[in-house]
Amino acid sequence: MSRSSKKGPYVDQNILKKIGKQKPEAGPIKTWARACEIAPEMVGYTFSVHTGKDFIDVRISEEMVGHRLGEFAPTRKFVRHGGKMQKEIEQKAGVAAPAAASSFAKAPADKPAGKPAEKK
């Protein structure tokens, strides 16, 4: 999202007022302004950015200056791919992994685990 250089960066005026009244250690500043660009004055503050459902705390650092607040508060939650088939595969893998680990524990002490015995 580009903005005309003559207009300057979009910074919500309500956020600037709240920053002026509050110290960085005081707690998060609650905001719905996801399109607000992060200014150098905001470094060190914590913002609670609205995702449409919840508020996610975002602590502002030097590297974030110039980005938007909404970039650091994702609105979609990734669950996973696969559905029913993937769940079955993960369950089988979960059962197989502990069984393999227990077979290595039962290996005799004189032979290293996982290596075949040498023939003479």
C-alpha atoms as a PDB file:
ATOM      1  CA  MET A   1       0.000   0.000   0.000  1.00  0.00           C
ATOM      2  CA  SER A   2       1.695   3.118  -1.187  1.00  0.00           C
ATOM      3  CA  ARG A   3       0.704   6.594  -0.191  1.00  0.00           C
ATOM      4  CA  SER A   4       1.503   9.888  -1.878  1.00  0.00           C
ATOM      5  CA  SER A   5       4.695  11.467  -0.570  1.00  0.00           C
ATOM      6  CA  LYS A   6       2.976  14.865  -0.308  1.00  0.00           C
ATOM      7  CA  LYS A   7       0.383  13.380   2.072  1.00  0.00           C
ATOM      8  CA  GLY A   8       2.935  11.708   4.309  1.00  0.00           C
ATOM      9  CA  PRO A   9       2.500   8.500   6.325  1.00  0.00           C
ATOM     10  CA  TYR A  10      -0.891   7.691   7.819  1.00  0.00           C
ATOM     11  CA  VAL A  11      -0.659   7.721  11.607  1.00  0.00           C
ATOM     12  CA  ASP A  12      -3.902   7.672  13.567  1.00  0.00           C
ATOM     13  CA  GLN A  13      -4.218  10.855  15.658  1.00  0.00           C
ATOM     14  CA  ASN A  14      -5.885   8.997  18.542  1.00  0.00           C
ATOM     15  CA  ILE A  15      -2.846   6.731  18.868  1.00  0.00           C
ATOM     16  CA  LEU A  16      -0.511   9.734  18.981  1.00  0.00           C
ATOM     17  CA  LYS A  17      -2.622  11.265  21.764  1.00  0.00           C
ATOM     18  CA  LYS A  18      -2.493   8.048  23.771  1.00  0.00           C
ATOM     19  CA  ILE A  19       1.283   7.811  23.326  1.00  0.00           C
ATOM     20  CA  GLY A  20       1.652  11.389  24.603  1.00  0.00           C
ATOM     21  CA  LYS A  21      -0.316  10.600  27.775  1.00  0.00           C
ATOM     22  CA  GLN A  22       1.184   7.194  28.563  1.00  0.00           C
ATOM     23  CA  LYS A  23       4.629   5.783  29.342  1.00  0.00           C
ATOM     24  CA  PRO A  24       5.878   2.663  27.485  1.00  0.00           C
ATOM     25  CA  GLU A  25       5.835   0.529  30.650  1.00  0.00           C
ATOM     26  CA  ALA A  26       2.224   1.409  31.542  1.00  0.00           C
ATOM     27  CA  GLY A  27       0.633  -1.390  29.512  1.00  0.00           C
ATOM     28  CA  PRO A  28      -0.765  -2.028  26.049  1.00  0.00           C
ATOM     29  CA  ILE A  29      -2.622   0.612  24.056  1.00  0.00           C
ATOM     30  CA  LYS A  30      -5.808  -0.858  22.614  1.00  0.00           C
ATOM     31  CA  THR A  31      -6.428   0.002  18.957  1.00  0.00           C
ATOM     32  CA  TRP A  32      -8.554  -0.946  15.974  1.00  0.00           C
ATOM     33  CA  ALA A  33      -6.403   1.104  13.567  1.00  0.00           C
ATOM     34  CA  ARG A  34      -4.649  -1.715  11.695  1.00  0.00           C
ATOM     35  CA  ALA A  35      -3.803   0.604   8.771  1.00  0.00           C
ATOM     36  CA  CYS A  36      -1.856   2.975  11.023  1.00  0.00           C
ATOM     37  CA  GLU A  37       1.803   3.200  10.042  1.00  0.00           C
ATOM     38  CA  ILE A  38       4.357   2.680  12.812  1.00  0.00           C
ATOM     39  CA  ALA A  39       6.234   5.914  13.580  1.00  0.00           C
ATOM     40  CA  PRO A  40       9.573   6.228  15.411  1.00  0.00           C
ATOM     41  CA  GLU A  41       7.726   7.702  18.433  1.00  0.00           C
ATOM     42  CA  MET A  42       5.971   4.346  18.933  1.00  0.00           C
ATOM     43  CA  VAL A  43       9.150   2.321  19.563  1.00  0.00           C
ATOM     44  CA  GLY A  44       9.038   0.648  22.973  1.00  0.00           C
ATOM     45  CA  TYR A  45       5.254   0.759  23.325  1.00  0.00           C
ATOM     46  CA  THR A  46       2.964  -2.269  23.270  1.00  0.00           C
ATOM     47  CA  PHE A  47      -0.228  -2.129  21.225  1.00  0.00           C
ATOM     48  CA  SER A  48      -3.222  -4.455  21.423  1.00  0.00           C
ATOM     49  CA  VAL A  49      -4.182  -4.696  17.760  1.00  0.00           C
ATOM     50  CA  HIS A  50      -7.687  -5.914  16.881  1.00  0.00           C
ATOM     51  CA  THR A  51      -7.876  -8.969  14.576  1.00  0.00           C
ATOM     52  CA  GLY A  52     -11.624  -8.932  14.060  1.00  0.00           C
ATOM     53  CA  LYS A  53     -12.204 -11.238  17.002  1.00  0.00           C
ATOM     54  CA  ASP A  54      -9.402 -10.812  19.546  1.00  0.00           C
ATOM     55  CA  PHE A  55      -6.671  -8.348  20.421  1.00  0.00           C
ATOM     56  CA  ILE A  56      -3.061  -9.410  19.870  1.00  0.00           C
ATOM     57  CA  ASP A  57      -0.280  -7.645  21.793  1.00  0.00           C
ATOM     58  CA  VAL A  58       2.437  -6.266  19.528  1.00  0.00           C
ATOM     59  CA  ARG A  59       5.603  -4.791  21.052  1.00  0.00           C
ATOM     60  CA  ILE A  60       7.088  -2.188  18.700  1.00  0.00           C
ATOM     61  CA  SER A  61      10.814  -2.364  17.901  1.00  0.00           C
ATOM     62  CA  GLU A  62      13.133  -0.350  15.632  1.00  0.00           C
ATOM     63  CA  GLU A  63      12.764  -2.784  12.700  1.00  0.00           C
ATOM     64  CA  MET A  64       8.976  -2.260  12.572  1.00  0.00           C
ATOM     65  CA  VAL A  65       9.112   1.474  11.780  1.00  0.00           C
ATOM     66  CA  GLY A  66       7.450   2.151   8.423  1.00  0.00           C
ATOM     67  CA  HIS A  67       5.256  -0.967   8.506  1.00  0.00           C
ATOM     68  CA  ARG A  68       1.562  -1.105   9.424  1.00  0.00           C
ATOM     69  CA  LEU A  69       0.206  -2.340  12.764  1.00  0.00           C
ATOM     70  CA  GLY A  70      -1.998  -4.878  10.984  1.00  0.00           C
ATOM     71  CA  GLU A  71       1.026  -6.661   9.512  1.00  0.00           C
ATOM     72  CA  PHE A  72       1.957  -7.984  12.943  1.00  0.00           C
ATOM     73  CA  ALA A  73      -1.524  -9.171  13.982  1.00  0.00           C
ATOM     74  CA  PRO A  74      -2.716 -11.923  11.605  1.00  0.00           C
ATOM     75  CA  THR A  75      -6.467 -12.128  11.077  1.00  0.00           C
ATOM     76  CA  ARG A  76      -6.571 -15.754   9.929  1.00  0.00           C
ATOM     77  CA  LYS A  77      -5.702 -18.772  12.035  1.00  0.00           C
ATOM     78  CA  PHE A  78      -3.925 -21.653  10.279  1.00  0.00           C
ATOM     79  CA  VAL A  79      -5.079 -24.975  11.699  1.00  0.00           C
ATOM     80  CA  ARG A  80      -3.445 -27.509   9.368  1.00  0.00           C
ATOM     81  CA  HIS A  81      -3.847 -29.260   6.036  1.00  0.00           C
ATOM     82  CA  GLY A  82      -5.117 -32.753   5.436  1.00  0.00           C
ATOM     83  CA  GLY A  83      -8.359 -33.288   7.290  1.00  0.00           C
ATOM     84  CA  LYS A  84      -9.328 -36.840   8.270  1.00  0.00           C
ATOM     85  CA  MET A  85      -6.622 -38.696   6.294  1.00  0.00           C
ATOM     86  CA  GLN A  86      -3.815 -36.518   7.645  1.00  0.00           C
ATOM     87  CA  LYS A  87      -5.041 -37.051  11.212  1.00  0.00           C
ATOM     88  CA  GLU A  88      -4.858 -40.860  10.759  1.00  0.00           C
ATOM     89  CA  ILE A  89      -1.330 -40.631   9.349  1.00  0.00           C
ATOM     90  CA  GLU A  90      -0.179 -38.484  12.288  1.00  0.00           C
ATOM     91  CA  GLN A  91      -1.722 -40.914  14.786  1.00  0.00           C
ATOM     92  CA  LYS A  92       0.094 -43.878  13.166  1.00  0.00           C
ATOM     93  CA  ALA A  93       3.362 -41.946  13.169  1.00  0.00           C
ATOM     94  CA  GLY A  94       2.841 -41.004  16.819  1.00  0.00           C
ATOM     95  CA  VAL A  95       2.312 -44.658  17.791  1.00  0.00           C
ATOM     96  CA  ALA A  96       5.297 -45.893  15.733  1.00  0.00           C
ATOM     97  CA  ALA A  97       7.774 -43.342  17.111  1.00  0.00           C
ATOM     98  CA  PRO A  98       7.545 -44.376  20.800  1.00  0.00           C
ATOM     99  CA  ALA A  99       7.754 -48.076  19.834  1.00  0.00           C
ATOM    100  CA  ALA A 100      10.956 -47.470  17.868  1.00  0.00           C
ATOM    101  CA  ALA A 101      12.456 -45.515  20.757  1.00  0.00           C
ATOM    102  CA  SER A 102      11.715 -48.331  23.213  1.00  0.00           C
ATOM    103  CA  SER A 103      13.373 -50.957  20.959  1.00  0.00           C
ATOM    104  CA  PHE A 104      16.629 -48.969  21.031  1.00  0.00           C
ATOM    105  CA  ALA A 105      16.447 -48.835  24.815  1.00  0.00           C
ATOM    106  CA  LYS A 106      16.270 -52.656  24.993  1.00  0.00           C
ATOM    107  CA  ALA A 107      19.444 -53.183  22.897  1.00  0.00           C
ATOM    108  CA  PRO A 108      22.292 -55.013  24.684  1.00  0.00           C
ATOM    109  CA  ALA A 109      25.011 -52.858  26.193  1.00  0.00           C
ATOM    110  CA  ASP A 110      27.906 -54.588  24.357  1.00  0.00           C
ATOM    111  CA  LYS A 111      26.464 -53.821  20.884  1.00  0.00           C
ATOM    112  CA  PRO A 112      25.779 -50.260  19.769  1.00  0.00           C
ATOM    113  CA  ALA A 113      22.091 -49.720  19.060  1.00  0.00           C
ATOM    114  CA  GLY A 114      21.037 -49.695  15.427  1.00  0.00           C
ATOM    115  CA  LYS A 115      24.156 -51.424  13.971  1.00  0.00           C
ATOM    116  CA  PRO A 116      24.182 -55.068  12.831  1.00  0.00           C
ATOM    117  CA  ALA A 117      26.579 -57.512  14.444  1.00  0.00           C
ATOM    118  CA  GLU A 118      29.787 -58.244  12.502  1.00  0.00           C
ATOM    119  CA  LYS A 119      30.419 -61.778  11.175  1.00  0.00           C
ATOM    120  CA  LYS A 120      33.855 -63.320  11.731  1.00  0.00           C
END
